[in-house]
Amino acid sequence: MKILFVCNQNKHRSKTAENIFRNKFYTKSAGLFNENPMTEKQVHWADVVVVMEDFQRTEISRRFPKEYIKKRIISLDVPDIYHYNQPDLINVLKSRMKKLL
């Protein structure tokens, strides 16, 4: 399964998720509001798009409406309070992904 993890800047949450799940899935990560924002090509690549917050799902639907309709998009509801590879973040990501997949 190909999973695209998405957060605001692609610095902490989505990067951590990409790294910790890369041995189980094909993973990539992207940010919505950084210098190189997520592309339609990245959305197309993914079987599942995992956002960290619900508003990111809405932003994807606004930017890529044709791809959005075709994709399973899951929100993990992980607030932007963590740092890259922070142990608490890793625990939250693993717990929420286990429940969803």
PDB file of N, CA and C in Angstrom:
ATOM      1  N   MET A   1       0.840  -1.179   0.000  1.00  0.00           N
ATOM      2  CA  MET A   1       0.000   0.000   0.000  1.00  0.00           C
ATOM      3  C   MET A   1       0.887   1.245   0.000  1.00  0.00           C
ATOM      4  N   LYS A   2       0.519   2.246  -0.797  1.00  0.00           N
ATOM      5  CA  LYS A   2       1.247   3.508  -0.883  1.00  0.00           C
ATOM      6  C   LYS A   2       0.506   4.562  -0.062  1.00  0.00           C
ATOM      7  N   ILE A   3       1.204   5.102   0.940  1.00  0.00           N
ATOM      8  CA  ILE A   3       0.592   6.075   1.840  1.00  0.00           C
ATOM      9  C   ILE A   3       1.345   7.396   1.756  1.00  0.00           C
ATOM     10  N   LEU A   4       0.595   8.466   1.542  1.00  0.00           N
ATOM     11  CA  LEU A   4       1.137   9.821   1.568  1.00  0.00           C
ATOM     12  C   LEU A   4       0.702  10.473   2.871  1.00  0.00           C
ATOM     13  N   PHE A   5       1.664  10.836   3.710  1.00  0.00           N
ATOM     14  CA  PHE A   5       1.392  11.531   4.964  1.00  0.00           C
ATOM     15  C   PHE A   5       1.520  13.032   4.735  1.00  0.00           C
ATOM     16  N   VAL A   6       0.528  13.788   5.213  1.00  0.00           N
ATOM     17  CA  VAL A   6       0.475  15.220   4.942  1.00  0.00           C
ATOM     18  C   VAL A   6       0.293  16.000   6.244  1.00  0.00           C
ATOM     19  N   CYS A   7       1.096  17.058   6.372  1.00  0.00           N
ATOM     20  CA  CYS A   7       0.880  18.020   7.459  1.00  0.00           C
ATOM     21  C   CYS A   7       1.113  19.423   6.888  1.00  0.00           C
ATOM     22  N   ASN A   8       1.292  20.410   7.740  1.00  0.00           N
ATOM     23  CA  ASN A   8       1.408  21.793   7.265  1.00  0.00           C
ATOM     24  C   ASN A   8       2.731  22.068   6.561  1.00  0.00           C
ATOM     25  N   GLN A   9       3.843  21.760   7.213  1.00  0.00           N
ATOM     26  CA  GLN A   9       5.156  22.129   6.702  1.00  0.00           C
ATOM     27  C   GLN A   9       6.006  20.948   6.242  1.00  0.00           C
ATOM     28  N   ASN A  10       5.585  19.730   6.533  1.00  0.00           N
ATOM     29  CA  ASN A  10       6.359  18.529   6.231  1.00  0.00           C
ATOM     30  C   ASN A  10       7.718  18.560   6.939  1.00  0.00           C
ATOM     31  N   LYS A  11       7.679  18.967   8.208  1.00  0.00           N
ATOM     32  CA  LYS A  11       8.908  19.012   8.999  1.00  0.00           C
ATOM     33  C   LYS A  11       8.880  18.024  10.159  1.00  0.00           C
ATOM     34  N   HIS A  12       7.736  17.885  10.795  1.00  0.00           N
ATOM     35  CA  HIS A  12       7.682  17.094  12.021  1.00  0.00           C
ATOM     36  C   HIS A  12       6.754  15.882  11.904  1.00  0.00           C
ATOM     37  N   ARG A  13       5.460  16.116  11.850  1.00  0.00           N
ATOM     38  CA  ARG A  13       4.489  15.021  11.901  1.00  0.00           C
ATOM     39  C   ARG A  13       4.547  14.116  10.688  1.00  0.00           C
ATOM     40  N   SER A  14       4.412  14.670   9.496  1.00  0.00           N
ATOM     41  CA  SER A  14       4.379  13.818   8.299  1.00  0.00           C
ATOM     42  C   SER A  14       5.735  13.182   8.016  1.00  0.00           C
ATOM     43  N   LYS A  15       6.814  13.897   8.277  1.00  0.00           N
ATOM     44  CA  LYS A  15       8.159  13.325   8.094  1.00  0.00           C
ATOM     45  C   LYS A  15       8.384  12.161   9.050  1.00  0.00           C
ATOM     46  N   THR A  16       7.953  12.324  10.300  1.00  0.00           N
ATOM     47  CA  THR A  16       8.093  11.246  11.280  1.00  0.00           C
ATOM     48  C   THR A  16       7.271  10.042  10.839  1.00  0.00           C
ATOM     49  N   ALA A  17       6.039  10.272  10.418  1.00  0.00           N
ATOM     50  CA  ALA A  17       5.176   9.169   9.979  1.00  0.00           C
ATOM     51  C   ALA A  17       5.779   8.451   8.770  1.00  0.00           C
ATOM     52  N   GLU A  18       6.281   9.207   7.813  1.00  0.00           N
ATOM     53  CA  GLU A  18       6.920   8.600   6.643  1.00  0.00           C
ATOM     54  C   GLU A  18       8.040   7.652   7.076  1.00  0.00           C
ATOM     55  N   ASN A  19       8.843   8.088   8.015  1.00  0.00           N
ATOM     56  CA  ASN A  19       9.985   7.293   8.455  1.00  0.00           C
ATOM     57  C   ASN A  19       9.586   6.063   9.265  1.00  0.00           C
ATOM     58  N   ILE A  20       8.646   6.201  10.177  1.00  0.00           N
ATOM     59  CA  ILE A  20       8.350   5.054  11.048  1.00  0.00           C
ATOM     60  C   ILE A  20       7.523   3.975  10.360  1.00  0.00           C
ATOM     61  N   PHE A  21       6.821   4.317   9.278  1.00  0.00           N
ATOM     62  CA  PHE A  21       6.000   3.322   8.583  1.00  0.00           C
ATOM     63  C   PHE A  21       6.609   2.841   7.270  1.00  0.00           C
ATOM     64  N   ARG A  22       7.809   3.293   6.948  1.00  0.00           N
ATOM     65  CA  ARG A  22       8.404   2.935   5.647  1.00  0.00           C
ATOM     66  C   ARG A  22       8.760   1.459   5.527  1.00  0.00           C
ATOM     67  N   ASN A  23       8.903   0.768   6.635  1.00  0.00           N
ATOM     68  CA  ASN A  23       9.196  -0.669   6.559  1.00  0.00           C
ATOM     69  C   ASN A  23       7.945  -1.518   6.373  1.00  0.00           C
ATOM     70  N   LYS A  24       6.785  -0.909   6.586  1.00  0.00           N
ATOM     71  CA  LYS A  24       5.519  -1.639   6.466  1.00  0.00           C
ATOM     72  C   LYS A  24       4.748  -1.279   5.187  1.00  0.00           C
ATOM     73  N   PHE A  25       4.928  -0.046   4.713  1.00  0.00           N
ATOM     74  CA  PHE A  25       4.224   0.462   3.535  1.00  0.00           C
ATOM     75  C   PHE A  25       5.212   1.214   2.646  1.00  0.00           C
ATOM     76  N   TYR A  26       4.767   1.546   1.436  1.00  0.00           N
ATOM     77  CA  TYR A  26       5.492   2.512   0.621  1.00  0.00           C
ATOM     78  C   TYR A  26       5.029   3.877   1.107  1.00  0.00           C
ATOM     79  N   THR A  27       5.939   4.707   1.583  1.00  0.00           N
ATOM     80  CA  THR A  27       5.535   5.973   2.187  1.00  0.00           C
ATOM     81  C   THR A  27       6.233   7.160   1.544  1.00  0.00           C
ATOM     82  N   LYS A  28       5.515   8.258   1.540  1.00  0.00           N
ATOM     83  CA  LYS A  28       6.039   9.579   1.177  1.00  0.00           C
ATOM     84  C   LYS A  28       5.369  10.576   2.113  1.00  0.00           C
ATOM     85  N   SER A  29       5.931  11.772   2.175  1.00  0.00           N
ATOM     86  CA  SER A  29       5.314  12.816   2.981  1.00  0.00           C
ATOM     87  C   SER A  29       5.329  14.129   2.212  1.00  0.00           C
ATOM     88  N   ALA A  30       4.426  15.013   2.609  1.00  0.00           N
ATOM     89  CA  ALA A  30       4.309  16.307   1.940  1.00  0.00           C
ATOM     90  C   ALA A  30       3.731  17.324   2.908  1.00  0.00           C
ATOM     91  N   GLY A  31       3.980  18.585   2.591  1.00  0.00           N
ATOM     92  CA  GLY A  31       3.402  19.685   3.348  1.00  0.00           C
ATOM     93  C   GLY A  31       2.487  20.500   2.461  1.00  0.00           C
ATOM     94  N   LEU A  32       1.530  21.147   3.076  1.00  0.00           N
ATOM     95  CA  LEU A  32       0.593  21.972   2.315  1.00  0.00           C
ATOM     96  C   LEU A  32       1.025  23.432   2.233  1.00  0.00           C
ATOM     97  N   PHE A  33       1.777  23.896   3.212  1.00  0.00           N
ATOM     98  CA  PHE A  33       2.071  25.327   3.309  1.00  0.00           C
ATOM     99  C   PHE A  33       3.568  25.605   3.413  1.00  0.00           C
ATOM    100  N   ASN A  34       4.377  24.841   2.704  1.00  0.00           N
ATOM    101  CA  ASN A  34       5.824  25.037   2.726  1.00  0.00           C
ATOM    102  C   ASN A  34       6.306  25.546   1.366  1.00  0.00           C
ATOM    103  N   GLU A  35       7.619  25.623   1.199  1.00  0.00           N
ATOM    104  CA  GLU A  35       8.182  26.142  -0.053  1.00  0.00           C
ATOM    105  C   GLU A  35       7.889  25.243  -1.248  1.00  0.00           C
ATOM    106  N   ASN A  36       7.768  23.942  -1.010  1.00  0.00           N
ATOM    107  CA  ASN A  36       7.451  22.977  -2.070  1.00  0.00           C
ATOM    108  C   ASN A  36       6.177  22.229  -1.692  1.00  0.00           C
ATOM    109  N   PRO A  37       5.019  22.875  -1.850  1.00  0.00           N
ATOM    110  CA  PRO A  37       3.776  22.249  -1.387  1.00  0.00           C
ATOM    111  C   PRO A  37       3.401  20.987  -2.159  1.00  0.00           C
ATOM    112  N   MET A  38       2.579  20.195  -1.526  1.00  0.00           N
ATOM    113  CA  MET A  38       2.098  18.945  -2.084  1.00  0.00           C
ATOM    114  C   MET A  38       1.576  19.164  -3.507  1.00  0.00           C
ATOM    115  N   THR A  39       1.829  18.178  -4.366  1.00  0.00           N
ATOM    116  CA  THR A  39       1.428  18.279  -5.767  1.00  0.00           C
ATOM    117  C   THR A  39       0.312  17.285  -6.083  1.00  0.00           C
ATOM    118  N   GLU A  40      -0.346  17.520  -7.184  1.00  0.00           N
ATOM    119  CA  GLU A  40      -1.370  16.596  -7.664  1.00  0.00           C
ATOM    120  C   GLU A  40      -0.755  15.232  -7.971  1.00  0.00           C
ATOM    121  N   LYS A  41       0.469  15.237  -8.462  1.00  0.00           N
ATOM    122  CA  LYS A  41       1.171  13.995  -8.762  1.00  0.00           C
ATOM    123  C   LYS A  41       1.354  13.148  -7.499  1.00  0.00           C
ATOM    124  N   GLN A  42       1.657  13.767  -6.372  1.00  0.00           N
ATOM    125  CA  GLN A  42       1.812  13.038  -5.117  1.00  0.00           C
ATOM    126  C   GLN A  42       0.478  12.434  -4.674  1.00  0.00           C
ATOM    127  N   VAL A  43      -0.590  13.191  -4.808  1.00  0.00           N
ATOM    128  CA  VAL A  43      -1.913  12.675  -4.441  1.00  0.00           C
ATOM    129  C   VAL A  43      -2.260  11.491  -5.335  1.00  0.00           C
ATOM    130  N   HIS A  44      -2.004  11.631  -6.610  1.00  0.00           N
ATOM    131  CA  HIS A  44      -2.292  10.558  -7.562  1.00  0.00           C
ATOM    132  C   HIS A  44      -1.514   9.286  -7.220  1.00  0.00           C
ATOM    133  N   TRP A  45      -0.260   9.426  -6.785  1.00  0.00           N
ATOM    134  CA  TRP A  45       0.598   8.288  -6.445  1.00  0.00           C
ATOM    135  C   TRP A  45       0.017   7.456  -5.309  1.00  0.00           C
ATOM    136  N   ALA A  46      -0.585   8.090  -4.350  1.00  0.00           N
ATOM    137  CA  ALA A  46      -0.989   7.422  -3.108  1.00  0.00           C
ATOM    138  C   ALA A  46      -2.262   6.593  -3.250  1.00  0.00           C
ATOM    139  N   ASP A  47      -2.271   5.451  -2.549  1.00  0.00           N
ATOM    140  CA  ASP A  47      -3.514   4.693  -2.378  1.00  0.00           C
ATOM    141  C   ASP A  47      -4.353   5.322  -1.276  1.00  0.00           C
ATOM    142  N   VAL A  48      -3.666   5.807  -0.248  1.00  0.00           N
ATOM    143  CA  VAL A  48      -4.304   6.447   0.904  1.00  0.00           C
ATOM    144  C   VAL A  48      -3.534   7.717   1.233  1.00  0.00           C
ATOM    145  N   VAL A  49      -4.273   8.785   1.510  1.00  0.00           N
ATOM    146  CA  VAL A  49      -3.665  10.032   1.972  1.00  0.00           C
ATOM    147  C   VAL A  49      -4.029  10.172   3.447  1.00  0.00           C
ATOM    148  N   VAL A  50      -3.017  10.352   4.281  1.00  0.00           N
ATOM    149  CA  VAL A  50      -3.231  10.494   5.718  1.00  0.00           C
ATOM    150  C   VAL A  50      -2.855  11.914   6.118  1.00  0.00           C
ATOM    151  N   VAL A  51      -3.854  12.675   6.554  1.00  0.00           N
ATOM    152  CA  VAL A  51      -3.618  14.038   7.027  1.00  0.00           C
ATOM    153  C   VAL A  51      -3.542  14.027   8.547  1.00  0.00           C
ATOM    154  N   MET A  52      -2.880  15.025   9.091  1.00  0.00           N
ATOM    155  CA  MET A  52      -2.724  15.101  10.538  1.00  0.00           C
ATOM    156  C   MET A  52      -3.877  15.830  11.208  1.00  0.00           C
ATOM    157  N   GLU A  53      -4.544  16.735  10.462  1.00  0.00           N
ATOM    158  CA  GLU A  53      -5.664  17.498  11.006  1.00  0.00           C
ATOM    159  C   GLU A  53      -6.766  17.591   9.950  1.00  0.00           C
ATOM    160  N   ASP A  54      -8.014  17.697  10.401  1.00  0.00           N
ATOM    161  CA  ASP A  54      -9.154  17.690   9.480  1.00  0.00           C
ATOM    162  C   ASP A  54      -9.118  18.813   8.451  1.00  0.00           C
ATOM    163  N   PHE A  55      -8.656  20.006   8.845  1.00  0.00           N
ATOM    164  CA  PHE A  55      -8.664  21.115   7.890  1.00  0.00           C
ATOM    165  C   PHE A  55      -7.752  20.841   6.700  1.00  0.00           C
ATOM    166  N   GLN A  56      -6.768  19.963   6.868  1.00  0.00           N
ATOM    167  CA  GLN A  56      -5.876  19.618   5.763  1.00  0.00           C
ATOM    168  C   GLN A  56      -6.620  18.824   4.693  1.00  0.00           C
ATOM    169  N   ARG A  57      -7.559  18.024   5.110  1.00  0.00           N
ATOM    170  CA  ARG A  57      -8.411  17.292   4.157  1.00  0.00           C
ATOM    171  C   ARG A  57      -9.190  18.292   3.294  1.00  0.00           C
ATOM    172  N   THR A  58      -9.725  19.310   3.934  1.00  0.00           N
ATOM    173  CA  THR A  58     -10.474  20.348   3.220  1.00  0.00           C
ATOM    174  C   THR A  58      -9.578  21.084   2.230  1.00  0.00           C
ATOM    175  N   GLU A  59      -8.354  21.372   2.644  1.00  0.00           N
ATOM    176  CA  GLU A  59      -7.402  22.064   1.767  1.00  0.00           C
ATOM    177  C   GLU A  59      -7.056  21.208   0.552  1.00  0.00           C
ATOM    178  N   ILE A  60      -6.897  19.913   0.748  1.00  0.00           N
ATOM    179  CA  ILE A  60      -6.617  19.008  -0.375  1.00  0.00           C
ATOM    180  C   ILE A  60      -7.801  18.991  -1.343  1.00  0.00           C
ATOM    181  N   SER A  61      -9.012  18.969  -0.806  1.00  0.00           N
ATOM    182  CA  SER A  61     -10.199  18.968  -1.675  1.00  0.00           C
ATOM    183  C   SER A  61     -10.291  20.255  -2.487  1.00  0.00           C
ATOM    184  N   ARG A  62      -9.858  21.368  -1.912  1.00  0.00           N
ATOM    185  CA  ARG A  62      -9.883  22.646  -2.606  1.00  0.00           C
ATOM    186  C   ARG A  62      -8.821  22.696  -3.707  1.00  0.00           C
ATOM    187  N   ARG A  63      -7.629  22.170  -3.419  1.00  0.00           N
ATOM    188  CA  ARG A  63      -6.529  22.240  -4.387  1.00  0.00           C
ATOM    189  C   ARG A  63      -6.622  21.191  -5.491  1.00  0.00           C
ATOM    190  N   PHE A  64      -7.083  20.014  -5.133  1.00  0.00           N
ATOM    191  CA  PHE A  64      -7.077  18.884  -6.076  1.00  0.00           C
ATOM    192  C   PHE A  64      -8.433  18.178  -6.082  1.00  0.00           C
ATOM    193  N   PRO A  65      -9.492  18.843  -6.499  1.00  0.00           N
ATOM    194  CA  PRO A  65     -10.837  18.249  -6.393  1.00  0.00           C
ATOM    195  C   PRO A  65     -11.009  16.940  -7.164  1.00  0.00           C
ATOM    196  N   LYS A  66     -10.400  16.816  -8.330  1.00  0.00           N
ATOM    197  CA  LYS A  66     -10.560  15.591  -9.123  1.00  0.00           C
ATOM    198  C   LYS A  66      -9.872  14.402  -8.456  1.00  0.00           C
ATOM    199  N   GLU A  67      -8.694  14.598  -7.911  1.00  0.00           N
ATOM    200  CA  GLU A  67      -7.977  13.521  -7.222  1.00  0.00           C
ATOM    201  C   GLU A  67      -8.622  13.219  -5.862  1.00  0.00           C
ATOM    202  N   TYR A  68      -9.089  14.257  -5.206  1.00  0.00           N
ATOM    203  CA  TYR A  68      -9.689  14.108  -3.868  1.00  0.00           C
ATOM    204  C   TYR A  68     -10.851  13.116  -3.893  1.00  0.00           C
ATOM    205  N   ILE A  69     -11.682  13.213  -4.894  1.00  0.00           N
ATOM    206  CA  ILE A  69     -12.863  12.351  -4.996  1.00  0.00           C
ATOM    207  C   ILE A  69     -12.474  10.881  -5.125  1.00  0.00           C
ATOM    208  N   LYS A  70     -11.331  10.612  -5.718  1.00  0.00           N
ATOM    209  CA  LYS A  70     -10.899   9.240  -5.980  1.00  0.00           C
ATOM    210  C   LYS A  70     -10.138   8.600  -4.822  1.00  0.00           C
ATOM    211  N   LYS A  71      -9.775   9.384  -3.810  1.00  0.00           N
ATOM    212  CA  LYS A  71      -8.859   8.900  -2.776  1.00  0.00           C
ATOM    213  C   LYS A  71      -9.540   8.655  -1.437  1.00  0.00           C
ATOM    214  N   ARG A  72      -8.977   7.697  -0.732  1.00  0.00           N
ATOM    215  CA  ARG A  72      -9.329   7.500   0.679  1.00  0.00           C
ATOM    216  C   ARG A  72      -8.429   8.440   1.463  1.00  0.00           C
ATOM    217  N   ILE A  73      -9.033   9.368   2.186  1.00  0.00           N
ATOM    218  CA  ILE A  73      -8.277  10.341   2.965  1.00  0.00           C
ATOM    219  C   ILE A  73      -8.667  10.195   4.422  1.00  0.00           C
ATOM    220  N   ILE A  74      -7.662   9.959   5.255  1.00  0.00           N
ATOM    221  CA  ILE A  74      -7.865   9.677   6.675  1.00  0.00           C
ATOM    222  C   ILE A  74      -7.220  10.787   7.490  1.00  0.00           C
ATOM    223  N   SER A  75      -7.922  11.239   8.530  1.00  0.00           N
ATOM    224  CA  SER A  75      -7.341  12.209   9.449  1.00  0.00           C
ATOM    225  C   SER A  75      -6.958  11.509  10.747  1.00  0.00           C
ATOM    226  N   LEU A  76      -5.713  11.717  11.174  1.00  0.00           N
ATOM    227  CA  LEU A  76      -5.242  11.126  12.431  1.00  0.00           C
ATOM    228  C   LEU A  76      -5.515  12.031  13.631  1.00  0.00           C
ATOM    229  N   ASP A  77      -5.892  13.271  13.389  1.00  0.00           N
ATOM    230  CA  ASP A  77      -6.177  14.225  14.464  1.00  0.00           C
ATOM    231  C   ASP A  77      -4.979  14.366  15.411  1.00  0.00           C
ATOM    232  N   VAL A  78      -3.822  14.669  14.820  1.00  0.00           N
ATOM    233  CA  VAL A  78      -2.588  14.876  15.586  1.00  0.00           C
ATOM    234  C   VAL A  78      -2.260  16.366  15.546  1.00  0.00           C
ATOM    235  N   PRO A  79      -2.343  17.044  16.696  1.00  0.00           N
ATOM    236  CA  PRO A  79      -2.092  18.492  16.707  1.00  0.00           C
ATOM    237  C   PRO A  79      -0.629  18.822  16.416  1.00  0.00           C
ATOM    238  N   ASP A  80      -0.415  20.048  15.998  1.00  0.00           N
ATOM    239  CA  ASP A  80       0.919  20.519  15.625  1.00  0.00           C
ATOM    240  C   ASP A  80       1.679  21.002  16.864  1.00  0.00           C
ATOM    241  N   ILE A  81       1.966  20.060  17.772  1.00  0.00           N
ATOM    242  CA  ILE A  81       2.650  20.402  19.023  1.00  0.00           C
ATOM    243  C   ILE A  81       3.912  19.566  19.222  1.00  0.00           C
ATOM    244  N   TYR A  82       4.262  18.759  18.229  1.00  0.00           N
ATOM    245  CA  TYR A  82       5.371  17.829  18.371  1.00  0.00           C
ATOM    246  C   TYR A  82       6.557  18.232  17.507  1.00  0.00           C
ATOM    247  N   HIS A  83       7.693  17.628  17.809  1.00  0.00           N
ATOM    248  CA  HIS A  83       8.909  17.815  17.023  1.00  0.00           C
ATOM    249  C   HIS A  83       9.220  16.518  16.276  1.00  0.00           C
ATOM    250  N   TYR A  84      10.066  16.617  15.275  1.00  0.00           N
ATOM    251  CA  TYR A  84      10.449  15.470  14.462  1.00  0.00           C
ATOM    252  C   TYR A  84      10.993  14.339  15.336  1.00  0.00           C
ATOM    253  N   ASN A  85      10.450  13.157  15.123  1.00  0.00           N
ATOM    254  CA  ASN A  85      10.859  11.927  15.812  1.00  0.00           C
ATOM    255  C   ASN A  85      10.728  11.985  17.330  1.00  0.00           C
ATOM    256  N   GLN A  86       9.920  12.876  17.835  1.00  0.00           N
ATOM    257  CA  GLN A  86       9.677  12.951  19.274  1.00  0.00           C
ATOM    258  C   GLN A  86       8.990  11.657  19.713  1.00  0.00           C
ATOM    259  N   PRO A  87       9.459  11.023  20.792  1.00  0.00           N
ATOM    260  CA  PRO A  87       8.868   9.749  21.221  1.00  0.00           C
ATOM    261  C   PRO A  87       7.349   9.806  21.416  1.00  0.00           C
ATOM    262  N   ASP A  88       6.838  10.897  21.980  1.00  0.00           N
ATOM    263  CA  ASP A  88       5.385  11.026  22.154  1.00  0.00           C
ATOM    264  C   ASP A  88       4.672  11.045  20.797  1.00  0.00           C
ATOM    265  N   LEU A  89       5.252  11.717  19.831  1.00  0.00           N
ATOM    266  CA  LEU A  89       4.671  11.762  18.486  1.00  0.00           C
ATOM    267  C   LEU A  89       4.673  10.376  17.863  1.00  0.00           C
ATOM    268  N   ILE A  90       5.755   9.660  17.992  1.00  0.00           N
ATOM    269  CA  ILE A  90       5.837   8.303  17.445  1.00  0.00           C
ATOM    270  C   ILE A  90       4.765   7.411  18.054  1.00  0.00           C
ATOM    271  N   ASN A  91       4.562   7.499  19.358  1.00  0.00           N
ATOM    272  CA  ASN A  91       3.532   6.704  20.035  1.00  0.00           C
ATOM    273  C   ASN A  91       2.135   7.049  19.539  1.00  0.00           C
ATOM    274  N   VAL A  92       1.860   8.338  19.387  1.00  0.00           N
ATOM    275  CA  VAL A  92       0.541   8.777  18.909  1.00  0.00           C
ATOM    276  C   VAL A  92       0.308   8.274  17.482  1.00  0.00           C
ATOM    277  N   LEU A  93       1.283   8.442  16.623  1.00  0.00           N
ATOM    278  CA  LEU A  93       1.140   8.007  15.227  1.00  0.00           C
ATOM    279  C   LEU A  93       0.907   6.505  15.125  1.00  0.00           C
ATOM    280  N   LYS A  94       1.688   5.731  15.852  1.00  0.00           N
ATOM    281  CA  LYS A  94       1.519   4.275  15.809  1.00  0.00           C
ATOM    282  C   LYS A  94       0.154   3.860  16.324  1.00  0.00           C
ATOM    283  N   SER A  95      -0.282   4.456  17.409  1.00  0.00           N
ATOM    284  CA  SER A  95      -1.577   4.120  17.996  1.00  0.00           C
ATOM    285  C   SER A  95      -2.731   4.464  17.052  1.00  0.00           C
ATOM    286  N   ARG A  96      -2.695   5.639  16.461  1.00  0.00           N
ATOM    287  CA  ARG A  96      -3.794   6.066  15.589  1.00  0.00           C
ATOM    288  C   ARG A  96      -3.803   5.310  14.271  1.00  0.00           C
ATOM    289  N   MET A  97      -2.637   5.011  13.733  1.00  0.00           N
ATOM    290  CA  MET A  97      -2.574   4.231  12.490  1.00  0.00           C
ATOM    291  C   MET A  97      -3.066   2.805  12.731  1.00  0.00           C
ATOM    292  N   LYS A  98      -2.740   2.238  13.862  1.00  0.00           N
ATOM    293  CA  LYS A  98      -3.183   0.885  14.170  1.00  0.00           C
ATOM    294  C   LYS A  98      -4.706   0.797  14.200  1.00  0.00           C
ATOM    295  N   LYS A  99      -5.345   1.824  14.729  1.00  0.00           N
ATOM    296  CA  LYS A  99      -6.805   1.856  14.811  1.00  0.00           C
ATOM    297  C   LYS A  99      -7.451   2.010  13.434  1.00  0.00           C
ATOM    298  N   LEU A 100      -6.779   2.725  12.539  1.00  0.00           N
ATOM    299  CA  LEU A 100      -7.380   3.053  11.249  1.00  0.00           C
ATOM    300  C   LEU A 100      -7.128   2.038  10.154  1.00  0.00           C
ATOM    301  N   LEU A 101      -5.993   1.363  10.223  1.00  0.00           N
ATOM    302  CA  LEU A 101      -5.681   0.465   9.097  1.00  0.00           C
ATOM    303  C   LEU A 101      -5.814  -0.962   9.511  1.00  0.00           C
TER     304      LEU A 101
END
